[in-house]
Every structure is written in structure tokens, then in C-alpha cells.
PDB file of N, CA and C in Angstrom:
ATOM      1  N   MET A   1       0.857  -1.171   0.000  1.00  0.00           N
ATOM      2  CA  MET A   1       0.000   0.000   0.000  1.00  0.00           C
ATOM      3  C   MET A   1       0.904   1.235   0.000  1.00  0.00           C
ATOM      4  N   SER A   2       0.670   2.127  -0.944  1.00  0.00           N
ATOM      5  CA  SER A   2       1.496   3.325  -0.997  1.00  0.00           C
ATOM      6  C   SER A   2       0.944   4.398  -0.058  1.00  0.00           C
ATOM      7  N   ARG A   3       1.854   5.181   0.475  1.00  0.00           N
ATOM      8  CA  ARG A   3       1.490   6.247   1.408  1.00  0.00           C
ATOM      9  C   ARG A   3       1.589   7.586   0.687  1.00  0.00           C
ATOM     10  N   ILE A   4       0.494   8.314   0.685  1.00  0.00           N
ATOM     11  CA  ILE A   4       0.438   9.620   0.026  1.00  0.00           C
ATOM     12  C   ILE A   4       0.155  10.691   1.068  1.00  0.00           C
ATOM     13  N   LEU A   5       0.960  11.734   1.041  1.00  0.00           N
ATOM     14  CA  LEU A   5       0.763  12.888   1.913  1.00  0.00           C
ATOM     15  C   LEU A   5       0.350  14.070   1.055  1.00  0.00           C
ATOM     16  N   HIS A   6      -0.784  14.672   1.393  1.00  0.00           N
ATOM     17  CA  HIS A   6      -1.243  15.900   0.743  1.00  0.00           C
ATOM     18  C   HIS A   6      -0.985  17.043   1.711  1.00  0.00           C
ATOM     19  N   ILE A   7      -0.270  18.055   1.259  1.00  0.00           N
ATOM     20  CA  ILE A   7      -0.008  19.237   2.078  1.00  0.00           C
ATOM     21  C   ILE A   7      -0.839  20.379   1.515  1.00  0.00           C
ATOM     22  N   LEU A   8      -1.754  20.876   2.325  1.00  0.00           N
ATOM     23  CA  LEU A   8      -2.623  21.983   1.908  1.00  0.00           C
ATOM     24  C   LEU A   8      -2.133  23.270   2.550  1.00  0.00           C
ATOM     25  N   LYS A   9      -1.992  24.331   1.718  1.00  0.00           N
ATOM     26  CA  LYS A   9      -1.490  25.619   2.201  1.00  0.00           C
ATOM     27  C   LYS A   9      -2.564  26.700   2.258  1.00  0.00           C
ATOM     28  N   GLU A  10      -3.587  26.598   1.455  1.00  0.00           N
ATOM     29  CA  GLU A  10      -4.606  27.638   1.344  1.00  0.00           C
ATOM     30  C   GLU A  10      -5.978  27.103   1.739  1.00  0.00           C
ATOM     31  N   THR A  11      -6.892  27.986   2.088  1.00  0.00           N
ATOM     32  CA  THR A  11      -8.239  27.560   2.468  1.00  0.00           C
ATOM     33  C   THR A  11      -9.133  27.328   1.263  1.00  0.00           C
ATOM     34  N   ASN A  12      -8.866  28.002   0.170  1.00  0.00           N
ATOM     35  CA  ASN A  12      -9.718  27.885  -1.002  1.00  0.00           C
ATOM     36  C   ASN A  12      -9.117  26.894  -2.001  1.00  0.00           C
ATOM     37  N   GLN A  13      -9.212  25.612  -1.687  1.00  0.00           N
ATOM     38  CA  GLN A  13      -8.666  24.562  -2.540  1.00  0.00           C
ATOM     39  C   GLN A  13      -9.701  23.456  -2.763  1.00  0.00           C
ATOM     40  N   PRO A  14     -10.876  23.793  -3.323  1.00  0.00           N
ATOM     41  CA  PRO A  14     -11.910  22.768  -3.475  1.00  0.00           C
ATOM     42  C   PRO A  14     -11.488  21.609  -4.373  1.00  0.00           C
ATOM     43  N   GLU A  15     -10.673  21.884  -5.399  1.00  0.00           N
ATOM     44  CA  GLU A  15     -10.239  20.807  -6.278  1.00  0.00           C
ATOM     45  C   GLU A  15      -9.343  19.818  -5.535  1.00  0.00           C
ATOM     46  N   ALA A  16      -8.523  20.320  -4.640  1.00  0.00           N
ATOM     47  CA  ALA A  16      -7.660  19.432  -3.850  1.00  0.00           C
ATOM     48  C   ALA A  16      -8.499  18.531  -2.959  1.00  0.00           C
ATOM     49  N   LEU A  17      -9.477  19.096  -2.279  1.00  0.00           N
ATOM     50  CA  LEU A  17     -10.330  18.300  -1.392  1.00  0.00           C
ATOM     51  C   LEU A  17     -11.132  17.265  -2.175  1.00  0.00           C
ATOM     52  N   THR A  18     -11.563  17.619  -3.376  1.00  0.00           N
ATOM     53  CA  THR A  18     -12.306  16.680  -4.226  1.00  0.00           C
ATOM     54  C   THR A  18     -11.410  15.512  -4.646  1.00  0.00           C
ATOM     55  N   ILE A  19     -10.207  15.821  -5.067  1.00  0.00           N
ATOM     56  CA  ILE A  19      -9.277  14.780  -5.496  1.00  0.00           C
ATOM     57  C   ILE A  19      -8.905  13.865  -4.326  1.00  0.00           C
ATOM     58  N   ILE A  20      -8.657  14.442  -3.171  1.00  0.00           N
ATOM     59  CA  ILE A  20      -8.311  13.637  -1.994  1.00  0.00           C
ATOM     60  C   ILE A  20      -9.471  12.718  -1.626  1.00  0.00           C
ATOM     61  N   ALA A  21     -10.692  13.237  -1.667  1.00  0.00           N
ATOM     62  CA  ALA A  21     -11.870  12.424  -1.346  1.00  0.00           C
ATOM     63  C   ALA A  21     -12.013  11.261  -2.329  1.00  0.00           C
ATOM     64  N   LYS A  22     -11.773  11.518  -3.608  1.00  0.00           N
ATOM     65  CA  LYS A  22     -11.845  10.450  -4.616  1.00  0.00           C
ATOM     66  C   LYS A  22     -10.758   9.406  -4.382  1.00  0.00           C
ATOM     67  N   GLN A  23      -9.567   9.849  -4.063  1.00  0.00           N
ATOM     68  CA  GLN A  23      -8.481   8.918  -3.781  1.00  0.00           C
ATOM     69  C   GLN A  23      -8.822   8.041  -2.573  1.00  0.00           C
ATOM     70  N   ALA A  24      -9.401   8.639  -1.562  1.00  0.00           N
ATOM     71  CA  ALA A  24      -9.718   7.906  -0.338  1.00  0.00           C
ATOM     72  C   ALA A  24     -10.776   6.840  -0.578  1.00  0.00           C
ATOM     73  N   LYS A  25     -11.724   7.123  -1.459  1.00  0.00           N
ATOM     74  CA  LYS A  25     -12.809   6.169  -1.735  1.00  0.00           C
ATOM     75  C   LYS A  25     -12.377   5.046  -2.661  1.00  0.00           C
ATOM     76  N   GLY A  26     -11.570   5.368  -3.654  1.00  0.00           N
ATOM     77  CA  GLY A  26     -11.316   4.411  -4.710  1.00  0.00           C
ATOM     78  C   GLY A  26     -10.012   3.654  -4.645  1.00  0.00           C
ATOM     79  N   SER A  27      -9.272   3.779  -3.558  1.00  0.00           N
ATOM     80  CA  SER A  27      -7.974   3.116  -3.557  1.00  0.00           C
ATOM     81  C   SER A  27      -7.677   2.507  -2.201  1.00  0.00           C
ATOM     82  N   GLY A  28      -6.709   1.644  -2.215  1.00  0.00           N
ATOM     83  CA  GLY A  28      -6.241   1.060  -0.975  1.00  0.00           C
ATOM     84  C   GLY A  28      -5.026   1.805  -0.465  1.00  0.00           C
ATOM     85  N   GLN A  29      -4.926   3.075  -0.802  1.00  0.00           N
ATOM     86  CA  GLN A  29      -3.767   3.866  -0.421  1.00  0.00           C
ATOM     87  C   GLN A  29      -3.943   4.441   0.982  1.00  0.00           C
ATOM     88  N   ASP A  30      -2.826   4.639   1.627  1.00  0.00           N
ATOM     89  CA  ASP A  30      -2.798   5.244   2.953  1.00  0.00           C
ATOM     90  C   ASP A  30      -2.648   6.754   2.763  1.00  0.00           C
ATOM     91  N   LEU A  31      -3.724   7.497   2.995  1.00  0.00           N
ATOM     92  CA  LEU A  31      -3.718   8.940   2.763  1.00  0.00           C
ATOM     93  C   LEU A  31      -3.577   9.714   4.063  1.00  0.00           C
ATOM     94  N   SER A  32      -2.750  10.744   4.015  1.00  0.00           N
ATOM     95  CA  SER A  32      -2.613  11.682   5.123  1.00  0.00           C
ATOM     96  C   SER A  32      -2.689  13.088   4.552  1.00  0.00           C
ATOM     97  N   ILE A  33      -3.143  14.009   5.392  1.00  0.00           N
ATOM     98  CA  ILE A  33      -3.242  15.415   5.005  1.00  0.00           C
ATOM     99  C   ILE A  33      -2.548  16.238   6.077  1.00  0.00           C
ATOM    100  N   LEU A  34      -1.714  17.176   5.643  1.00  0.00           N
ATOM    101  CA  LEU A  34      -1.070  18.101   6.556  1.00  0.00           C
ATOM    102  C   LEU A  34      -1.543  19.505   6.204  1.00  0.00           C
ATOM    103  N   LEU A  35      -2.138  20.172   7.177  1.00  0.00           N
ATOM    104  CA  LEU A  35      -2.618  21.546   6.993  1.00  0.00           C
ATOM    105  C   LEU A  35      -1.550  22.506   7.502  1.00  0.00           C
ATOM    106  N   ILE A  36      -1.103  23.411   6.614  1.00  0.00           N
ATOM    107  CA  ILE A  36      -0.100  24.401   6.976  1.00  0.00           C
ATOM    108  C   ILE A  36      -0.576  25.780   6.520  1.00  0.00           C
ATOM    109  N   GLN A  37       0.138  26.793   6.916  1.00  0.00           N
ATOM    110  CA  GLN A  37      -0.146  28.180   6.554  1.00  0.00           C
ATOM    111  C   GLN A  37      -1.632  28.485   6.772  1.00  0.00           C
ATOM    112  N   GLU A  38      -2.319  29.061   5.793  1.00  0.00           N
ATOM    113  CA  GLU A  38      -3.732  29.430   5.966  1.00  0.00           C
ATOM    114  C   GLU A  38      -4.669  28.228   6.061  1.00  0.00           C
ATOM    115  N   ALA A  39      -4.243  27.085   5.546  1.00  0.00           N
ATOM    116  CA  ALA A  39      -5.094  25.888   5.554  1.00  0.00           C
ATOM    117  C   ALA A  39      -5.345  25.348   6.962  1.00  0.00           C
ATOM    118  N   VAL A  40      -4.604  25.843   7.960  1.00  0.00           N
ATOM    119  CA  VAL A  40      -4.871  25.382   9.331  1.00  0.00           C
ATOM    120  C   VAL A  40      -6.286  25.756   9.774  1.00  0.00           C
ATOM    121  N   ARG A  41      -6.913  26.673   9.066  1.00  0.00           N
ATOM    122  CA  ARG A  41      -8.292  27.083   9.384  1.00  0.00           C
ATOM    123  C   ARG A  41      -9.334  26.073   8.888  1.00  0.00           C
ATOM    124  N   LEU A  42      -8.928  25.166   8.006  1.00  0.00           N
ATOM    125  CA  LEU A  42      -9.856  24.175   7.448  1.00  0.00           C
ATOM    126  C   LEU A  42     -10.217  23.114   8.486  1.00  0.00           C
ATOM    127  N   GLN A  43     -11.409  22.565   8.349  1.00  0.00           N
ATOM    128  CA  GLN A  43     -11.859  21.449   9.170  1.00  0.00           C
ATOM    129  C   GLN A  43     -12.449  20.377   8.247  1.00  0.00           C
ATOM    130  N   PRO A  44     -11.625  19.836   7.338  1.00  0.00           N
ATOM    131  CA  PRO A  44     -12.165  18.888   6.365  1.00  0.00           C
ATOM    132  C   PRO A  44     -12.635  17.594   7.031  1.00  0.00           C
ATOM    133  N   ASP A  45     -13.690  17.045   6.468  1.00  0.00           N
ATOM    134  CA  ASP A  45     -14.229  15.769   6.934  1.00  0.00           C
ATOM    135  C   ASP A  45     -13.919  14.736   5.857  1.00  0.00           C
ATOM    136  N   LEU A  46     -12.711  14.211   5.901  1.00  0.00           N
ATOM    137  CA  LEU A  46     -12.243  13.278   4.878  1.00  0.00           C
ATOM    138  C   LEU A  46     -11.738  12.005   5.550  1.00  0.00           C
ATOM    139  N   PRO A  47     -11.863  10.876   4.860  1.00  0.00           N
ATOM    140  CA  PRO A  47     -11.375   9.616   5.414  1.00  0.00           C
ATOM    141  C   PRO A  47      -9.857   9.485   5.270  1.00  0.00           C
ATOM    142  N   ALA A  48      -9.139  10.351   5.968  1.00  0.00           N
ATOM    143  CA  ALA A  48      -7.678  10.355   5.938  1.00  0.00           C
ATOM    144  C   ALA A  48      -7.198  10.824   7.304  1.00  0.00           C
ATOM    145  N   LYS A  49      -5.976  10.501   7.631  1.00  0.00           N
ATOM    146  CA  LYS A  49      -5.373  11.006   8.858  1.00  0.00           C
ATOM    147  C   LYS A  49      -4.983  12.454   8.593  1.00  0.00           C
ATOM    148  N   ILE A  50      -5.465  13.368   9.433  1.00  0.00           N
ATOM    149  CA  ILE A  50      -5.234  14.798   9.202  1.00  0.00           C
ATOM    150  C   ILE A  50      -4.389  15.373  10.339  1.00  0.00           C
ATOM    151  N   TYR A  51      -3.383  16.127   9.944  1.00  0.00           N
ATOM    152  CA  TYR A  51      -2.476  16.777  10.886  1.00  0.00           C
ATOM    153  C   TYR A  51      -2.507  18.283  10.636  1.00  0.00           C
ATOM    154  N   VAL A  52      -2.114  19.043  11.652  1.00  0.00           N
ATOM    155  CA  VAL A  52      -2.017  20.489  11.515  1.00  0.00           C
ATOM    156  C   VAL A  52      -0.647  20.919  12.045  1.00  0.00           C
ATOM    157  N   LEU A  53      -0.002  21.841  11.332  1.00  0.00           N
ATOM    158  CA  LEU A  53       1.298  22.342  11.778  1.00  0.00           C
ATOM    159  C   LEU A  53       1.062  23.284  12.954  1.00  0.00           C
ATOM    160  N   GLU A  54       1.553  22.897  14.122  1.00  0.00           N
ATOM    161  CA  GLU A  54       1.213  23.607  15.349  1.00  0.00           C
ATOM    162  C   GLU A  54       1.649  25.075  15.352  1.00  0.00           C
ATOM    163  N   ASP A  55       2.809  25.397  14.798  1.00  0.00           N
ATOM    164  CA  ASP A  55       3.244  26.798  14.780  1.00  0.00           C
ATOM    165  C   ASP A  55       2.307  27.664  13.943  1.00  0.00           C
ATOM    166  N   ASP A  56       1.858  27.157  12.799  1.00  0.00           N
ATOM    167  CA  ASP A  56       0.941  27.927  11.952  1.00  0.00           C
ATOM    168  C   ASP A  56      -0.417  28.101  12.627  1.00  0.00           C
ATOM    169  N   ALA A  57      -0.897  27.062  13.299  1.00  0.00           N
ATOM    170  CA  ALA A  57      -2.182  27.165  14.001  1.00  0.00           C
ATOM    171  C   ALA A  57      -2.081  28.175  15.144  1.00  0.00           C
ATOM    172  N   ARG A  58      -1.003  28.098  15.906  1.00  0.00           N
ATOM    173  CA  ARG A  58      -0.822  29.017  17.032  1.00  0.00           C
ATOM    174  C   ARG A  58      -0.704  30.460  16.537  1.00  0.00           C
ATOM    175  N   LEU A  59       0.046  30.672  15.467  1.00  0.00           N
ATOM    176  CA  LEU A  59       0.237  32.016  14.901  1.00  0.00           C
ATOM    177  C   LEU A  59      -1.096  32.634  14.486  1.00  0.00           C
ATOM    178  N   ARG A  60      -2.026  31.799  14.008  1.00  0.00           N
ATOM    179  CA  ARG A  60      -3.324  32.282  13.531  1.00  0.00           C
ATOM    180  C   ARG A  60      -4.421  32.173  14.589  1.00  0.00           C
ATOM    181  N   GLY A  61      -4.079  31.721  15.781  1.00  0.00           N
ATOM    182  CA  GLY A  61      -5.057  31.599  16.856  1.00  0.00           C
ATOM    183  C   GLY A  61      -6.111  30.535  16.604  1.00  0.00           C
ATOM    184  N   VAL A  62      -5.726  29.467  15.920  1.00  0.00           N
ATOM    185  CA  VAL A  62      -6.657  28.412  15.545  1.00  0.00           C
ATOM    186  C   VAL A  62      -6.503  27.224  16.489  1.00  0.00           C
ATOM    187  N   ALA A  63      -7.621  26.783  17.033  1.00  0.00           N
ATOM    188  CA  ALA A  63      -7.641  25.545  17.822  1.00  0.00           C
ATOM    189  C   ALA A  63      -8.204  24.465  16.907  1.00  0.00           C
ATOM    190  N   SER A  64      -7.386  23.511  16.568  1.00  0.00           N
ATOM    191  CA  SER A  64      -7.788  22.475  15.623  1.00  0.00           C
ATOM    192  C   SER A  64      -8.091  21.176  16.353  1.00  0.00           C
ATOM    193  N   ARG A  65      -9.000  20.396  15.783  1.00  0.00           N
ATOM    194  CA  ARG A  65      -9.329  19.088  16.346  1.00  0.00           C
ATOM    195  C   ARG A  65      -8.383  18.008  15.841  1.00  0.00           C
ATOM    196  N   PHE A  66      -7.463  18.382  14.942  1.00  0.00           N
ATOM    197  CA  PHE A  66      -6.545  17.426  14.349  1.00  0.00           C
ATOM    198  C   PHE A  66      -5.246  17.363  15.146  1.00  0.00           C
ATOM    199  N   GLU A  67      -4.528  16.271  14.944  1.00  0.00           N
ATOM    200  CA  GLU A  67      -3.263  16.088  15.644  1.00  0.00           C
ATOM    201  C   GLU A  67      -2.261  17.151  15.206  1.00  0.00           C
ATOM    202  N   ALA A  68      -1.669  17.832  16.176  1.00  0.00           N
ATOM    203  CA  ALA A  68      -0.688  18.874  15.891  1.00  0.00           C
ATOM    204  C   ALA A  68       0.697  18.253  15.768  1.00  0.00           C
ATOM    205  N   VAL A  69       1.453  18.736  14.796  1.00  0.00           N
ATOM    206  CA  VAL A  69       2.841  18.308  14.620  1.00  0.00           C
ATOM    207  C   VAL A  69       3.732  19.538  14.539  1.00  0.00           C
ATOM    208  N   ASN A  70       4.971  19.378  14.985  1.00  0.00           N
ATOM    209  CA  ASN A  70       5.946  20.453  14.848  1.00  0.00           C
ATOM    210  C   ASN A  70       6.701  20.251  13.534  1.00  0.00           C
ATOM    211  N   TYR A  71       7.731  21.055  13.298  1.00  0.00           N
ATOM    212  CA  TYR A  71       8.454  20.946  12.028  1.00  0.00           C
ATOM    213  C   TYR A  71       9.170  19.601  11.885  1.00  0.00           C
ATOM    214  N   SER A  72       9.640  19.062  12.987  1.00  0.00           N
ATOM    215  CA  SER A  72      10.266  17.742  12.945  1.00  0.00           C
ATOM    216  C   SER A  72       9.240  16.671  12.562  1.00  0.00           C
ATOM    217  N   GLY A  73       8.021  16.793  13.119  1.00  0.00           N
ATOM    218  CA  GLY A  73       6.949  15.867  12.768  1.00  0.00           C
ATOM    219  C   GLY A  73       6.540  16.010  11.317  1.00  0.00           C
ATOM    220  N   MET A  74       6.562  17.243  10.813  1.00  0.00           N
ATOM    221  CA  MET A  74       6.252  17.475   9.402  1.00  0.00           C
ATOM    222  C   MET A  74       7.277  16.765   8.521  1.00  0.00           C
ATOM    223  N   LEU A  75       8.539  16.875   8.879  1.00  0.00           N
ATOM    224  CA  LEU A  75       9.596  16.217   8.128  1.00  0.00           C
ATOM    225  C   LEU A  75       9.422  14.700   8.179  1.00  0.00           C
ATOM    226  N   ASP A  76       9.067  14.163   9.335  1.00  0.00           N
ATOM    227  CA  ASP A  76       8.817  12.722   9.456  1.00  0.00           C
ATOM    228  C   ASP A  76       7.692  12.279   8.526  1.00  0.00           C
ATOM    229  N   LEU A  77       6.610  13.071   8.461  1.00  0.00           N
ATOM    230  CA  LEU A  77       5.500  12.740   7.569  1.00  0.00           C
ATOM    231  C   LEU A  77       5.950  12.721   6.112  1.00  0.00           C
ATOM    232  N   ILE A  78       6.726  13.706   5.738  1.00  0.00           N
ATOM    233  CA  ILE A  78       7.206  13.801   4.351  1.00  0.00           C
ATOM    234  C   ILE A  78       8.107  12.621   4.014  1.00  0.00           C
ATOM    235  N   LEU A  79       9.060  12.326   4.880  1.00  0.00           N
ATOM    236  CA  LEU A  79      10.031  11.277   4.588  1.00  0.00           C
ATOM    237  C   LEU A  79       9.439   9.868   4.667  1.00  0.00           C
ATOM    238  N   SER A  80       8.347   9.711   5.396  1.00  0.00           N
ATOM    239  CA  SER A  80       7.731   8.385   5.505  1.00  0.00           C
ATOM    240  C   SER A  80       6.685   8.136   4.409  1.00  0.00           C
ATOM    241  N   SER A  81       6.467   9.115   3.555  1.00  0.00           N
ATOM    242  CA  SER A  81       5.485   8.993   2.480  1.00  0.00           C
ATOM    243  C   SER A  81       6.156   8.575   1.177  1.00  0.00           C
ATOM    244  N   ASP A  82       5.417   7.801   0.375  1.00  0.00           N
ATOM    245  CA  ASP A  82       5.916   7.414  -0.938  1.00  0.00           C
ATOM    246  C   ASP A  82       5.796   8.570  -1.934  1.00  0.00           C
ATOM    247  N   SER A  83       4.763   9.390  -1.767  1.00  0.00           N
ATOM    248  CA  SER A  83       4.622  10.583  -2.597  1.00  0.00           C
ATOM    249  C   SER A  83       3.978  11.692  -1.780  1.00  0.00           C
ATOM    250  N   VAL A  84       4.360  12.905  -2.153  1.00  0.00           N
ATOM    251  CA  VAL A  84       3.885  14.109  -1.463  1.00  0.00           C
ATOM    252  C   VAL A  84       3.331  15.053  -2.511  1.00  0.00           C
ATOM    253  N   VAL A  85       2.106  15.544  -2.278  1.00  0.00           N
ATOM    254  CA  VAL A  85       1.466  16.491  -3.183  1.00  0.00           C
ATOM    255  C   VAL A  85       1.207  17.761  -2.385  1.00  0.00           C
ATOM    256  N   THR A  86       1.685  18.875  -2.903  1.00  0.00           N
ATOM    257  CA  THR A  86       1.482  20.160  -2.224  1.00  0.00           C
ATOM    258  C   THR A  86       0.487  20.983  -3.041  1.00  0.00           C
ATOM    259  N   TRP A  87      -0.516  21.472  -2.374  1.00  0.00           N
ATOM    260  CA  TRP A  87      -1.579  22.260  -3.019  1.00  0.00           C
ATOM    261  C   TRP A  87      -1.460  23.708  -2.589  1.00  0.00           C
TER     262      TRP A  87
END
């Protein structure tokens, strides 16, 4: 099973959310999403493991329901993935 990490940077990315949702439904892939920059404001309801970059959330005053990661955790997510897509 391949591991795909989607990194979302902006809040207005409907095409990214649509593609991620399709990938989650139609494949046996392990999907993860990392919300950074302005995307920390998103609260997507997708069948994927979702993380938020804690420094970006704190900077914007956002309390997220997703697991917070620091920059080291972000690097771990990237390096443990077979492919990374940045939106």
C-alpha cells in the first residue's frame, strides 16, 4: 500500500479536497493530510489522517481538532510517504 501525503497551504482549494476524497474512496492507499499556513483554518471531513502544523495554528489563533505536529513531525510525515502532493 502506498502512502500519500497531501499538504494543503490555502483555504480555497476545493479541487484538492475533491481529489483527496476520490483517492480515499477508490484506492487502498494510505492517505494523510497536513494543513499548513492558511489551511490550518480548514476542518475537512475526509477519510484520511489529518495533521495540523502547530506553529501555523498558534500564529493564527486556531484551535484544531486534528493532531498537531511540529516541524520535525512534518519532516517525518514527508520522509515516511511514498509521494507528497502540495496544493
